[in-house]
Amino acid sequence: MENLASDNTIWYVLAVVGLIYLVILFRNKKVTKRRKSRKFMDGKRQHERDN
């Protein structure tokens, strides 16, 4: 029984680590999109100012 419990614990730990990895991955994608859109808008404003 003790061996079975430790095997389950390993799977729980791996699942939690995987979820944390996915959360960080999606947050980084959102930040990258936000930065790209901000750069795009800055370029538009700069273009309007020059004309």
Protein backbone atom coordinates (compact mmCIF):
# COMPACT_ATOMS: atom_id res chain seq x y z
CA MET A 1 0.00 0.00 0.00
CA GLU A 2 2.81 2.41 0.82
CA ASN A 3 4.29 2.03 -2.66
CA LEU A 4 0.92 2.73 -4.28
CA ALA A 5 0.46 5.92 -2.26
CA SER A 6 3.88 7.25 -3.22
CA ASP A 7 3.19 6.51 -6.91
CA ASN A 8 0.00 8.55 -6.75
CA THR A 9 1.84 11.38 -5.01
CA ILE A 10 4.35 11.55 -7.86
CA TRP A 11 1.52 11.86 -10.40
CA TYR A 12 -0.18 14.61 -8.36
CA VAL A 13 3.07 16.56 -8.16
CA LEU A 14 3.65 16.20 -11.91
CA ALA A 15 0.10 17.38 -12.64
CA VAL A 16 0.53 20.49 -10.46
CA VAL A 17 3.88 21.33 -12.09
CA GLY A 18 2.28 20.92 -15.53
CA LEU A 19 -0.59 23.26 -14.64
CA ILE A 20 1.82 25.89 -13.33
CA TYR A 21 3.83 25.61 -16.56
CA LEU A 22 0.71 26.12 -18.69
CA VAL A 23 -0.41 29.16 -16.64
CA ILE A 24 3.01 30.79 -17.06
CA LEU A 25 3.01 29.98 -20.79
CA PHE A 26 -0.40 31.60 -21.39
CA ARG A 27 0.50 34.68 -19.31
CA ASN A 28 3.66 35.19 -21.34
CA LYS A 29 1.67 34.96 -24.59
CA LYS A 30 -0.74 37.65 -23.35
CA VAL A 31 2.12 39.97 -22.37
CA THR A 32 3.82 39.47 -25.74
CA LYS A 33 0.58 40.26 -27.62
CA ARG A 34 0.06 43.37 -25.49
CA ARG A 35 3.61 44.56 -26.25
CA LYS A 36 3.19 43.98 -29.99
CA SER A 37 -0.10 45.86 -30.10
CA ARG A 38 1.41 48.74 -28.13
CA LYS A 39 4.32 48.97 -30.58
CA PHE A 40 1.86 48.94 -33.47
CA MET A 41 -0.16 51.77 -31.95
CA ASP A 42 2.98 53.80 -31.21
CA GLY A 43 3.96 53.49 -34.86
CA LYS A 44 0.53 54.77 -35.94
CA ARG A 45 0.73 57.76 -33.60
CA GLN A 46 4.22 58.57 -34.81
CA HIS A 47 3.06 58.41 -38.42
CA GLU A 48 0.11 60.74 -37.72
CA ARG A 49 2.39 63.20 -35.93
CA ASP A 50 4.86 63.31 -38.84
CA ASN A 51 2.12 64.20 -41.36
